[in-house]
Amino acid sequence: MVRLNKIYTRTGDDGTTGLGSGERRRKDDLRVEAYGTVDEANAAIGLARLSSADDKPLDAMLSAIQNDLFDLGADLATPPTDTPPPYEPLRMTQAQVDRLEREIDGLNAELSPLRSFVLPGGTKAAAALHLARTITRRAERLIVALAAAEPVGAPALKYVNRLSDFLFVAARYANHRAQDNGGGDVLWVPGKNR
């Protein structure tokens, strides 16, 4: 159980932070950048939920994802070591990836096939979901770079890849649901403004 009685500790005043293993790393370390960007994606999803709260099934999916992103952050903040820690580290699982895939398939079943690239916009909810998607893609790039330098669990990398797919489909779904109110995907028209 997490217990935070005091928010500031002054231990990071030297530009370092503690990992789940107790190891200290610089705050610009690639691992810290990766889980920090996951946290940024989580905040963007929280913002998107303000515009999608009236869609209870979608909101429930986003709520579960926000919890998963804390799991992902904990996974990334606790690097695997040769010496097992005195506790069981929280790791992402294939079941979390599988759930995202089912949710993508469910949302996508309501959508017509794409015939053009989609511009990030449409409804407020869709625009916010697209922003969360682009932050998630940045987190994925950082996790890929981290995995090239240090061990990262395969489910963690799969999850963040699948999450950006989910957010893309969720944005399209939000626009689809708003078509009766003048919503809908904003399609790219190549060379339109030449």
C-alpha atoms as a PDB file:
ATOM      1  CA  MET A   1       0.000   0.000   0.000  1.00  0.00           C
ATOM      2  CA  VAL A   2       1.300   3.433  -0.919  1.00  0.00           C
ATOM      3  CA  ARG A   3       1.388   5.951   1.891  1.00  0.00           C
ATOM      4  CA  LEU A   4       2.325   9.557   1.229  1.00  0.00           C
ATOM      5  CA  ASN A   5       2.353  11.652   4.386  1.00  0.00           C
ATOM      6  CA  LYS A   6       4.926  14.175   3.249  1.00  0.00           C
ATOM      7  CA  ILE A   7       5.045  15.294  -0.365  1.00  0.00           C
ATOM      8  CA  TYR A   8       8.450  16.937  -0.382  1.00  0.00           C
ATOM      9  CA  THR A   9      11.493  15.025   0.839  1.00  0.00           C
ATOM     10  CA  ARG A  10      14.330  17.224  -0.458  1.00  0.00           C
ATOM     11  CA  THR A  11      16.127  14.060  -1.654  1.00  0.00           C
ATOM     12  CA  GLY A  12      15.668  15.153  -5.269  1.00  0.00           C
ATOM     13  CA  ASP A  13      17.193  18.567  -4.764  1.00  0.00           C
ATOM     14  CA  ASP A  14      20.453  17.226  -6.218  1.00  0.00           C
ATOM     15  CA  GLY A  15      18.733  16.340  -9.514  1.00  0.00           C
ATOM     16  CA  THR A  16      18.252  12.644  -8.749  1.00  0.00           C
ATOM     17  CA  THR A  17      15.245  10.501  -7.984  1.00  0.00           C
ATOM     18  CA  GLY A  18      14.766   7.089  -6.413  1.00  0.00           C
ATOM     19  CA  LEU A  19      13.672   4.096  -8.469  1.00  0.00           C
ATOM     20  CA  GLY A  20      11.464   1.353  -7.056  1.00  0.00           C
ATOM     21  CA  SER A  21      14.625  -0.641  -6.396  1.00  0.00           C
ATOM     22  CA  GLY A  22      16.002   2.153  -4.190  1.00  0.00           C
ATOM     23  CA  GLU A  23      18.674   3.017  -6.761  1.00  0.00           C
ATOM     24  CA  ARG A  24      19.141   6.752  -7.377  1.00  0.00           C
ATOM     25  CA  ARG A  25      19.158   8.020 -10.975  1.00  0.00           C
ATOM     26  CA  ARG A  26      19.425  11.457 -12.544  1.00  0.00           C
ATOM     27  CA  LYS A  27      16.044  12.969 -13.311  1.00  0.00           C
ATOM     28  CA  ASP A  28      16.974  13.128 -16.998  1.00  0.00           C
ATOM     29  CA  ASP A  29      17.866   9.419 -17.089  1.00  0.00           C
ATOM     30  CA  LEU A  30      16.181   7.549 -19.948  1.00  0.00           C
ATOM     31  CA  ARG A  31      14.246   5.299 -17.554  1.00  0.00           C
ATOM     32  CA  VAL A  32      12.934   8.317 -15.642  1.00  0.00           C
ATOM     33  CA  GLU A  33      12.084  10.066 -18.941  1.00  0.00           C
ATOM     34  CA  ALA A  34      10.139   6.963 -20.028  1.00  0.00           C
ATOM     35  CA  TYR A  35       7.978   6.601 -16.940  1.00  0.00           C
ATOM     36  CA  GLY A  36       7.623  10.382 -16.659  1.00  0.00           C
ATOM     37  CA  THR A  37       6.188  10.488 -20.173  1.00  0.00           C
ATOM     38  CA  VAL A  38       3.823   7.635 -19.279  1.00  0.00           C
ATOM     39  CA  ASP A  39       2.633   9.861 -16.416  1.00  0.00           C
ATOM     40  CA  GLU A  40       2.155  12.728 -18.895  1.00  0.00           C
ATOM     41  CA  ALA A  41       0.050  10.464 -21.120  1.00  0.00           C
ATOM     42  CA  ASN A  42      -2.021   9.515 -18.077  1.00  0.00           C
ATOM     43  CA  ALA A  43      -2.676  13.181 -17.306  1.00  0.00           C
ATOM     44  CA  ALA A  44      -3.727  13.789 -20.919  1.00  0.00           C
ATOM     45  CA  ILE A  45      -6.177  10.874 -20.683  1.00  0.00           C
ATOM     46  CA  GLY A  46      -7.577  12.405 -17.483  1.00  0.00           C
ATOM     47  CA  LEU A  47      -8.139  15.624 -19.401  1.00  0.00           C
ATOM     48  CA  ALA A  48      -9.784  13.714 -22.279  1.00  0.00           C
ATOM     49  CA  ARG A  49     -12.160  12.090 -19.811  1.00  0.00           C
ATOM     50  CA  LEU A  50     -13.625  15.525 -19.012  1.00  0.00           C
ATOM     51  CA  SER A  51     -14.985  15.610 -22.590  1.00  0.00           C
ATOM     52  CA  SER A  52     -16.010  11.950 -22.825  1.00  0.00           C
ATOM     53  CA  ALA A  53     -17.608  11.375 -19.411  1.00  0.00           C
ATOM     54  CA  ASP A  54     -21.105  11.177 -20.917  1.00  0.00           C
ATOM     55  CA  ASP A  55     -20.102   7.964 -22.726  1.00  0.00           C
ATOM     56  CA  LYS A  56     -20.042   5.577 -19.753  1.00  0.00           C
ATOM     57  CA  PRO A  57     -18.490   2.561 -21.541  1.00  0.00           C
ATOM     58  CA  LEU A  58     -15.672   4.665 -23.036  1.00  0.00           C
ATOM     59  CA  ASP A  59     -15.121   6.451 -19.732  1.00  0.00           C
ATOM     60  CA  ALA A  60     -14.830   3.083 -17.946  1.00  0.00           C
ATOM     61  CA  MET A  61     -12.205   1.970 -20.486  1.00  0.00           C
ATOM     62  CA  LEU A  62     -10.235   5.178 -20.002  1.00  0.00           C
ATOM     63  CA  SER A  63     -10.455   4.831 -16.227  1.00  0.00           C
ATOM     64  CA  ALA A  64      -9.011   1.303 -16.421  1.00  0.00           C
ATOM     65  CA  ILE A  65      -6.252   2.572 -18.708  1.00  0.00           C
ATOM     66  CA  GLN A  66      -5.330   5.305 -16.231  1.00  0.00           C
ATOM     67  CA  ASN A  67      -4.885   2.651 -13.551  1.00  0.00           C
ATOM     68  CA  ASP A  68      -2.861   0.509 -15.989  1.00  0.00           C
ATOM     69  CA  LEU A  69      -0.576   3.455 -16.670  1.00  0.00           C
ATOM     70  CA  PHE A  70       0.309   3.629 -12.983  1.00  0.00           C
ATOM     71  CA  ASP A  71       1.123  -0.096 -13.229  1.00  0.00           C
ATOM     72  CA  LEU A  72       3.282   0.650 -16.275  1.00  0.00           C
ATOM     73  CA  GLY A  73       5.050   3.461 -14.444  1.00  0.00           C
ATOM     74  CA  ALA A  74       5.737   1.145 -11.491  1.00  0.00           C
ATOM     75  CA  ASP A  75       7.047  -1.514 -13.878  1.00  0.00           C
ATOM     76  CA  LEU A  76       9.404   0.946 -15.579  1.00  0.00           C
ATOM     77  CA  ALA A  77      10.492   2.485 -12.264  1.00  0.00           C
ATOM     78  CA  THR A  78      11.665  -0.922 -11.006  1.00  0.00           C
ATOM     79  CA  PRO A  79      14.348  -2.227 -13.355  1.00  0.00           C
ATOM     80  CA  PRO A  80      14.853  -5.994 -13.405  1.00  0.00           C
ATOM     81  CA  THR A  81      17.957  -7.069 -11.501  1.00  0.00           C
ATOM     82  CA  ASP A  82      19.928 -10.265 -11.029  1.00  0.00           C
ATOM     83  CA  THR A  83      19.167 -10.084  -7.309  1.00  0.00           C
ATOM     84  CA  PRO A  84      15.432 -10.411  -6.636  1.00  0.00           C
ATOM     85  CA  PRO A  85      14.050  -7.604  -4.452  1.00  0.00           C
ATOM     86  CA  PRO A  86      12.447  -8.450  -1.095  1.00  0.00           C
ATOM     87  CA  TYR A  87       9.014  -7.819  -2.653  1.00  0.00           C
ATOM     88  CA  GLU A  88       7.222  -8.836  -5.841  1.00  0.00           C
ATOM     89  CA  PRO A  89       7.644  -5.943  -8.318  1.00  0.00           C
ATOM     90  CA  LEU A  90       4.528  -4.859 -10.175  1.00  0.00           C
ATOM     91  CA  ARG A  91       4.834  -5.850 -13.842  1.00  0.00           C
ATOM     92  CA  MET A  92       2.568  -5.363 -16.833  1.00  0.00           C
ATOM     93  CA  THR A  93       0.850  -8.528 -18.039  1.00  0.00           C
ATOM     94  CA  GLN A  94      -0.286  -9.924 -21.357  1.00  0.00           C
ATOM     95  CA  ALA A  95      -3.851  -9.892 -19.963  1.00  0.00           C
ATOM     96  CA  GLN A  96      -3.746  -6.074 -19.894  1.00  0.00           C
ATOM     97  CA  VAL A  97      -2.621  -6.032 -23.537  1.00  0.00           C
ATOM     98  CA  ASP A  98      -5.358  -8.525 -24.462  1.00  0.00           C
ATOM     99  CA  ARG A  99      -8.040  -6.375 -22.779  1.00  0.00           C
ATOM    100  CA  LEU A 100      -6.929  -3.344 -24.814  1.00  0.00           C
ATOM    101  CA  GLU A 101      -7.123  -5.378 -28.022  1.00  0.00           C
ATOM    102  CA  ARG A 102     -10.694  -6.469 -27.204  1.00  0.00           C
ATOM    103  CA  GLU A 103     -11.668  -2.874 -26.487  1.00  0.00           C
ATOM    104  CA  ILE A 104     -10.081  -1.657 -29.727  1.00  0.00           C
ATOM    105  CA  ASP A 105     -11.999  -4.309 -31.662  1.00  0.00           C
ATOM    106  CA  GLY A 106     -15.257  -3.386 -29.915  1.00  0.00           C
ATOM    107  CA  LEU A 107     -14.940   0.342 -30.635  1.00  0.00           C
ATOM    108  CA  ASN A 108     -13.672  -0.231 -34.168  1.00  0.00           C
ATOM    109  CA  ALA A 109     -16.666  -2.459 -35.019  1.00  0.00           C
ATOM    110  CA  GLU A 110     -18.874   0.663 -35.031  1.00  0.00           C
ATOM    111  CA  LEU A 111     -16.603   2.609 -37.398  1.00  0.00           C
ATOM    112  CA  SER A 112     -16.463   2.686 -41.153  1.00  0.00           C
ATOM    113  CA  PRO A 113     -13.097   1.829 -42.746  1.00  0.00           C
ATOM    114  CA  LEU A 114     -10.714   4.728 -43.254  1.00  0.00           C
ATOM    115  CA  ARG A 115     -10.093   5.969 -46.781  1.00  0.00           C
ATOM    116  CA  SER A 116      -7.809   8.835 -45.754  1.00  0.00           C
ATOM    117  CA  PHE A 117      -5.561   9.826 -42.878  1.00  0.00           C
ATOM    118  CA  VAL A 118      -7.360  11.549 -40.010  1.00  0.00           C
ATOM    119  CA  LEU A 119      -6.375  14.983 -38.752  1.00  0.00           C
ATOM    120  CA  PRO A 120      -6.324  15.248 -34.954  1.00  0.00           C
ATOM    121  CA  GLY A 121      -9.587  17.013 -34.215  1.00  0.00           C
ATOM    122  CA  GLY A 122     -13.331  16.887 -34.578  1.00  0.00           C
ATOM    123  CA  THR A 123     -14.970  16.915 -31.170  1.00  0.00           C
ATOM    124  CA  LYS A 124     -13.320  18.112 -27.950  1.00  0.00           C
ATOM    125  CA  ALA A 125     -13.126  14.499 -26.788  1.00  0.00           C
ATOM    126  CA  ALA A 126     -11.505  13.321 -30.024  1.00  0.00           C
ATOM    127  CA  ALA A 127      -8.966  16.152 -30.026  1.00  0.00           C
ATOM    128  CA  ALA A 128      -8.018  15.369 -26.416  1.00  0.00           C
ATOM    129  CA  LEU A 129      -7.730  11.649 -27.195  1.00  0.00           C
ATOM    130  CA  HIS A 130      -5.483  12.419 -30.173  1.00  0.00           C
ATOM    131  CA  LEU A 131      -3.260  14.521 -27.916  1.00  0.00           C
ATOM    132  CA  ALA A 132      -3.063  11.622 -25.437  1.00  0.00           C
ATOM    133  CA  ARG A 133      -2.200   9.349 -28.391  1.00  0.00           C
ATOM    134  CA  THR A 134       0.723  11.496 -29.485  1.00  0.00           C
ATOM    135  CA  ILE A 135       2.089  11.661 -25.930  1.00  0.00           C
ATOM    136  CA  THR A 136       1.722   7.875 -25.727  1.00  0.00           C
ATOM    137  CA  ARG A 137       3.711   7.519 -28.955  1.00  0.00           C
ATOM    138  CA  ARG A 138       6.490   9.632 -27.429  1.00  0.00           C
ATOM    139  CA  ALA A 139       6.426   7.401 -24.332  1.00  0.00           C
ATOM    140  CA  GLU A 140       6.687   4.383 -26.627  1.00  0.00           C
ATOM    141  CA  ARG A 141       9.724   5.831 -28.418  1.00  0.00           C
ATOM    142  CA  LEU A 142      11.412   6.414 -25.058  1.00  0.00           C
ATOM    143  CA  ILE A 143      10.585   2.891 -23.857  1.00  0.00           C
ATOM    144  CA  VAL A 144      11.990   1.437 -27.092  1.00  0.00           C
ATOM    145  CA  ALA A 145      15.185   3.430 -26.558  1.00  0.00           C
ATOM    146  CA  LEU A 146      15.304   2.258 -22.945  1.00  0.00           C
ATOM    147  CA  ALA A 147      14.806  -1.368 -24.013  1.00  0.00           C
ATOM    148  CA  ALA A 148      17.833  -1.030 -26.295  1.00  0.00           C
ATOM    149  CA  ALA A 149      19.957  -0.028 -23.292  1.00  0.00           C
ATOM    150  CA  GLU A 150      18.394  -1.906 -20.345  1.00  0.00           C
ATOM    151  CA  PRO A 151      15.879  -4.701 -19.766  1.00  0.00           C
ATOM    152  CA  VAL A 152      12.202  -3.821 -20.218  1.00  0.00           C
ATOM    153  CA  GLY A 153       9.422  -6.383 -19.983  1.00  0.00           C
ATOM    154  CA  ALA A 154       7.762  -7.332 -23.280  1.00  0.00           C
ATOM    155  CA  PRO A 155       4.215  -6.699 -21.975  1.00  0.00           C
ATOM    156  CA  ALA A 156       5.180  -3.120 -21.061  1.00  0.00           C
ATOM    157  CA  LEU A 157       6.303  -2.377 -24.603  1.00  0.00           C
ATOM    158  CA  LYS A 158       3.300  -4.154 -26.133  1.00  0.00           C
ATOM    159  CA  TYR A 159       0.890  -2.281 -23.861  1.00  0.00           C
ATOM    160  CA  VAL A 160       2.139   1.183 -24.762  1.00  0.00           C
ATOM    161  CA  ASN A 161       2.071   0.283 -28.470  1.00  0.00           C
ATOM    162  CA  ARG A 162      -1.479  -1.006 -28.215  1.00  0.00           C
ATOM    163  CA  LEU A 163      -2.534   1.994 -26.135  1.00  0.00           C
ATOM    164  CA  SER A 164      -1.752   4.445 -28.911  1.00  0.00           C
ATOM    165  CA  ASP A 165      -3.857   2.283 -31.245  1.00  0.00           C
ATOM    166  CA  PHE A 166      -6.679   2.324 -28.689  1.00  0.00           C
ATOM    167  CA  LEU A 167      -6.530   6.111 -28.357  1.00  0.00           C
ATOM    168  CA  PHE A 168      -6.662   6.530 -32.147  1.00  0.00           C
ATOM    169  CA  VAL A 169      -9.736   4.308 -32.411  1.00  0.00           C
ATOM    170  CA  ALA A 170     -11.306   5.951 -29.332  1.00  0.00           C
ATOM    171  CA  ALA A 171     -10.881   9.380 -30.958  1.00  0.00           C
ATOM    172  CA  ARG A 172     -12.557   8.129 -34.127  1.00  0.00           C
ATOM    173  CA  TYR A 173     -15.300   6.549 -31.995  1.00  0.00           C
ATOM    174  CA  ALA A 174     -15.883   9.871 -30.166  1.00  0.00           C
ATOM    175  CA  ASN A 175     -16.201  11.648 -33.510  1.00  0.00           C
ATOM    176  CA  HIS A 176     -18.491   8.923 -34.862  1.00  0.00           C
ATOM    177  CA  ARG A 177     -20.789   9.234 -31.853  1.00  0.00           C
ATOM    178  CA  ALA A 178     -21.032  13.002 -32.462  1.00  0.00           C
ATOM    179  CA  GLN A 179     -21.871  12.784 -36.184  1.00  0.00           C
ATOM    180  CA  ASP A 180     -25.502  13.643 -35.503  1.00  0.00           C
ATOM    181  CA  ASN A 181     -24.318  16.875 -33.847  1.00  0.00           C
ATOM    182  CA  GLY A 182     -22.033  17.920 -36.690  1.00  0.00           C
ATOM    183  CA  GLY A 183     -19.070  15.864 -35.517  1.00  0.00           C
ATOM    184  CA  GLY A 184     -17.121  13.285 -37.429  1.00  0.00           C
ATOM    185  CA  ASP A 185     -13.526  12.634 -38.369  1.00  0.00           C
ATOM    186  CA  VAL A 186     -11.586  15.445 -39.974  1.00  0.00           C
ATOM    187  CA  LEU A 187      -9.921  13.885 -43.000  1.00  0.00           C
ATOM    188  CA  TRP A 188      -6.607  14.889 -44.516  1.00  0.00           C
ATOM    189  CA  VAL A 189      -6.899  16.178 -48.077  1.00  0.00           C
ATOM    190  CA  PRO A 190      -3.442  15.913 -49.664  1.00  0.00           C
ATOM    191  CA  GLY A 191      -2.322  19.174 -51.260  1.00  0.00           C
ATOM    192  CA  LYS A 192      -5.573  20.929 -50.363  1.00  0.00           C
ATOM    193  CA  ASN A 193      -3.970  24.323 -49.670  1.00  0.00           C
ATOM    194  CA  ARG A 194      -1.376  24.496 -52.453  1.00  0.00           C
END
